[in-house]
Amino acid sequence: MKKMSNVIFEDLPEFRKDLKKLLKRFRSLNDDLEVLKKDLNDEPGQSPPFSYRIDGLGIETCVVKVKKIACKSLKGHGANSGLRLIYSYFESEQRIIFVELYHKSDKEIEDRSRILRHFE
């Protein structure tokens, strides 16, 4: 596995709202996301079972769902914290845009309309 160059991380305004809301429940989330960014910098595309590409969107943009996010605020849960991160990955630009962050107890599936609004 080769080391990737530095990936550029950006986020959508809706993602920032998601994060702000979740920070009230999971105070370590900013630190947890920094750890995740280091992992994504090394391996930015899908990496089952940690993350996988969301199919059936009808767009060319690579959109990935991360299912294994370690959260220090959820002691004893390890990577099975229940947090989900949706991001788009632009390989040629080495750029990741965070689209959505949610807890699986709050909703079952990603907001596909949000994805399509920004990347169609």
C-alpha atoms as a PDB file:
ATOM      1  CA  MET A   1       0.000   0.000   0.000  1.00  0.00           C
ATOM      2  CA  LYS A   2       1.542   3.271  -1.066  1.00  0.00           C
ATOM      3  CA  LYS A   3       1.256   6.447   0.956  1.00  0.00           C
ATOM      4  CA  MET A   4      -0.977   9.020  -0.707  1.00  0.00           C
ATOM      5  CA  SER A   5      -0.112  12.685  -0.957  1.00  0.00           C
ATOM      6  CA  ASN A   6      -2.017  15.060   1.290  1.00  0.00           C
ATOM      7  CA  VAL A   7      -5.716  15.033   0.583  1.00  0.00           C
ATOM      8  CA  ILE A   8      -7.597  18.339   0.707  1.00  0.00           C
ATOM      9  CA  PHE A   9     -10.614  18.213   3.034  1.00  0.00           C
ATOM     10  CA  GLU A  10     -13.640  20.438   2.580  1.00  0.00           C
ATOM     11  CA  ASP A  11     -17.198  20.264   3.850  1.00  0.00           C
ATOM     12  CA  LEU A  12     -20.675  21.397   2.880  1.00  0.00           C
ATOM     13  CA  PRO A  13     -22.598  23.900   5.030  1.00  0.00           C
ATOM     14  CA  GLU A  14     -25.145  21.148   5.801  1.00  0.00           C
ATOM     15  CA  PHE A  15     -22.303  18.961   7.090  1.00  0.00           C
ATOM     16  CA  ARG A  16     -21.241  21.727   9.495  1.00  0.00           C
ATOM     17  CA  LYS A  17     -24.829  21.860  10.824  1.00  0.00           C
ATOM     18  CA  ASP A  18     -24.827  18.068  11.265  1.00  0.00           C
ATOM     19  CA  LEU A  19     -21.529  18.273  13.155  1.00  0.00           C
ATOM     20  CA  LYS A  20     -22.678  21.111  15.404  1.00  0.00           C
ATOM     21  CA  LYS A  21     -25.819  19.182  16.346  1.00  0.00           C
ATOM     22  CA  LEU A  22     -23.933  15.931  17.036  1.00  0.00           C
ATOM     23  CA  LEU A  23     -21.218  17.695  19.080  1.00  0.00           C
ATOM     24  CA  LYS A  24     -23.825  18.296  21.787  1.00  0.00           C
ATOM     25  CA  ARG A  25     -24.111  14.519  22.262  1.00  0.00           C
ATOM     26  CA  PHE A  26     -20.602  13.421  21.275  1.00  0.00           C
ATOM     27  CA  ARG A  27     -18.114  15.962  22.605  1.00  0.00           C
ATOM     28  CA  SER A  28     -15.064  14.148  21.213  1.00  0.00           C
ATOM     29  CA  LEU A  29     -16.349  14.301  17.644  1.00  0.00           C
ATOM     30  CA  ASN A  30     -13.938  17.007  16.409  1.00  0.00           C
ATOM     31  CA  ASP A  31     -10.976  14.935  17.629  1.00  0.00           C
ATOM     32  CA  ASP A  32     -12.531  11.743  16.249  1.00  0.00           C
ATOM     33  CA  LEU A  33     -12.882  13.367  12.818  1.00  0.00           C
ATOM     34  CA  GLU A  34      -9.219  14.432  12.867  1.00  0.00           C
ATOM     35  CA  VAL A  35      -8.238  10.782  13.415  1.00  0.00           C
ATOM     36  CA  LEU A  36     -10.552   9.758  10.583  1.00  0.00           C
ATOM     37  CA  LYS A  37      -8.993  12.370   8.270  1.00  0.00           C
ATOM     38  CA  LYS A  38      -5.576  10.801   8.860  1.00  0.00           C
ATOM     39  CA  ASP A  39      -7.003   7.421   7.853  1.00  0.00           C
ATOM     40  CA  LEU A  40      -8.688   8.893   4.784  1.00  0.00           C
ATOM     41  CA  ASN A  41      -5.475  10.659   3.788  1.00  0.00           C
ATOM     42  CA  ASP A  42      -3.770   7.248   3.637  1.00  0.00           C
ATOM     43  CA  GLU A  43      -6.691   5.445   1.997  1.00  0.00           C
ATOM     44  CA  PRO A  44      -9.211   7.951   0.604  1.00  0.00           C
ATOM     45  CA  GLY A  45     -11.398   5.636  -1.492  1.00  0.00           C
ATOM     46  CA  GLN A  46     -13.690   2.882  -0.326  1.00  0.00           C
ATOM     47  CA  SER A  47     -12.212   0.313   2.010  1.00  0.00           C
ATOM     48  CA  PRO A  48     -14.706  -2.432   2.973  1.00  0.00           C
ATOM     49  CA  PRO A  49     -15.883  -3.144   5.642  1.00  0.00           C
ATOM     50  CA  PHE A  50     -14.751   0.252   6.980  1.00  0.00           C
ATOM     51  CA  SER A  51     -16.349   2.162   4.109  1.00  0.00           C
ATOM     52  CA  TYR A  52     -17.949   1.538   0.746  1.00  0.00           C
ATOM     53  CA  ARG A  53     -19.115   3.431  -2.333  1.00  0.00           C
ATOM     54  CA  ILE A  54     -22.812   4.287  -2.440  1.00  0.00           C
ATOM     55  CA  ASP A  55     -24.253   2.805  -5.625  1.00  0.00           C
ATOM     56  CA  GLY A  56     -27.454   3.675  -7.447  1.00  0.00           C
ATOM     57  CA  LEU A  57     -27.093   7.456  -7.319  1.00  0.00           C
ATOM     58  CA  GLY A  58     -26.877   7.839 -11.094  1.00  0.00           C
ATOM     59  CA  ILE A  59     -23.893  10.203 -10.890  1.00  0.00           C
ATOM     60  CA  GLU A  60     -20.222   9.792 -11.755  1.00  0.00           C
ATOM     61  CA  THR A  61     -18.945  11.355  -8.531  1.00  0.00           C
ATOM     62  CA  CYS A  62     -17.542   8.767  -6.125  1.00  0.00           C
ATOM     63  CA  VAL A  63     -19.634   9.047  -2.950  1.00  0.00           C
ATOM     64  CA  VAL A  64     -18.498   6.933  -0.004  1.00  0.00           C
ATOM     65  CA  LYS A  65     -20.223   5.966   3.248  1.00  0.00           C
ATOM     66  CA  VAL A  66     -17.988   5.384   6.270  1.00  0.00           C
ATOM     67  CA  LYS A  67     -19.600   2.936   8.676  1.00  0.00           C
ATOM     68  CA  LYS A  68     -16.743   2.428  11.115  1.00  0.00           C
ATOM     69  CA  ILE A  69     -15.960   5.621  13.009  1.00  0.00           C
ATOM     70  CA  ALA A  70     -14.296   5.345  16.393  1.00  0.00           C
ATOM     71  CA  CYS A  71     -15.824   7.836  18.829  1.00  0.00           C
ATOM     72  CA  LYS A  72     -14.180   8.436  22.215  1.00  0.00           C
ATOM     73  CA  SER A  73     -17.489   9.745  23.591  1.00  0.00           C
ATOM     74  CA  LEU A  74     -18.986   6.284  23.153  1.00  0.00           C
ATOM     75  CA  LYS A  75     -16.728   4.266  25.421  1.00  0.00           C
ATOM     76  CA  GLY A  76     -16.697   0.536  24.781  1.00  0.00           C
ATOM     77  CA  HIS A  77     -18.079   0.827  21.268  1.00  0.00           C
ATOM     78  CA  GLY A  78     -14.766   1.099  19.411  1.00  0.00           C
ATOM     79  CA  ALA A  79     -15.355   1.625  15.711  1.00  0.00           C
ATOM     80  CA  ASN A  80     -18.956   0.420  16.055  1.00  0.00           C
ATOM     81  CA  SER A  81     -20.112   3.784  17.367  1.00  0.00           C
ATOM     82  CA  GLY A  82     -23.106   4.013  15.055  1.00  0.00           C
ATOM     83  CA  LEU A  83     -21.839   7.219  13.459  1.00  0.00           C
ATOM     84  CA  ARG A  84     -21.983   7.472   9.672  1.00  0.00           C
ATOM     85  CA  LEU A  85     -20.029   9.844   7.443  1.00  0.00           C
ATOM     86  CA  ILE A  86     -20.852  10.462   3.791  1.00  0.00           C
ATOM     87  CA  TYR A  87     -18.206  12.078   1.598  1.00  0.00           C
ATOM     88  CA  SER A  88     -17.367  12.564  -2.061  1.00  0.00           C
ATOM     89  CA  TYR A  89     -13.918  11.725  -3.274  1.00  0.00           C
ATOM     90  CA  PHE A  90     -12.308  13.353  -6.286  1.00  0.00           C
ATOM     91  CA  GLU A  91      -9.274  11.180  -6.979  1.00  0.00           C
ATOM     92  CA  SER A  92      -7.683  13.330  -9.687  1.00  0.00           C
ATOM     93  CA  GLU A  93      -7.759  16.371  -7.381  1.00  0.00           C
ATOM     94  CA  GLN A  94      -6.950  14.400  -4.200  1.00  0.00           C
ATOM     95  CA  ARG A  95      -9.933  16.147  -2.601  1.00  0.00           C
ATOM     96  CA  ILE A  96     -12.628  14.957  -0.205  1.00  0.00           C
ATOM     97  CA  ILE A  97     -15.814  16.878   0.528  1.00  0.00           C
ATOM     98  CA  PHE A  98     -17.704  15.874   3.683  1.00  0.00           C
ATOM     99  CA  VAL A  99     -21.402  15.744   2.804  1.00  0.00           C
ATOM    100  CA  GLU A 100     -23.251  14.358   5.805  1.00  0.00           C
ATOM    101  CA  LEU A 101     -22.699  13.095   9.349  1.00  0.00           C
ATOM    102  CA  TYR A 102     -25.370  11.288  11.344  1.00  0.00           C
ATOM    103  CA  HIS A 103     -25.946   8.639  13.984  1.00  0.00           C
ATOM    104  CA  LYS A 104     -27.708   5.505  12.783  1.00  0.00           C
ATOM    105  CA  SER A 105     -30.245   5.771  15.635  1.00  0.00           C
ATOM    106  CA  ASP A 106     -31.352   9.167  14.223  1.00  0.00           C
ATOM    107  CA  LYS A 107     -31.904   8.005  10.647  1.00  0.00           C
ATOM    108  CA  GLU A 108     -31.517   4.816   8.634  1.00  0.00           C
ATOM    109  CA  ILE A 109     -29.929   6.009   5.420  1.00  0.00           C
ATOM    110  CA  GLU A 110     -27.966   8.894   3.910  1.00  0.00           C
ATOM    111  CA  ASP A 111     -29.729  11.946   2.461  1.00  0.00           C
ATOM    112  CA  ARG A 112     -29.550  11.092  -1.228  1.00  0.00           C
ATOM    113  CA  SER A 113     -31.271  14.331  -2.223  1.00  0.00           C
ATOM    114  CA  ARG A 114     -28.464  16.294  -0.522  1.00  0.00           C
ATOM    115  CA  ILE A 115     -25.856  14.285  -2.436  1.00  0.00           C
ATOM    116  CA  LEU A 116     -27.619  14.825  -5.762  1.00  0.00           C
ATOM    117  CA  ARG A 117     -28.171  18.534  -5.080  1.00  0.00           C
ATOM    118  CA  HIS A 118     -24.425  19.078  -4.780  1.00  0.00           C
ATOM    119  CA  PHE A 119     -22.886  16.543  -7.161  1.00  0.00           C
ATOM    120  CA  GLU A 120     -25.309  15.838  -9.982  1.00  0.00           C
END
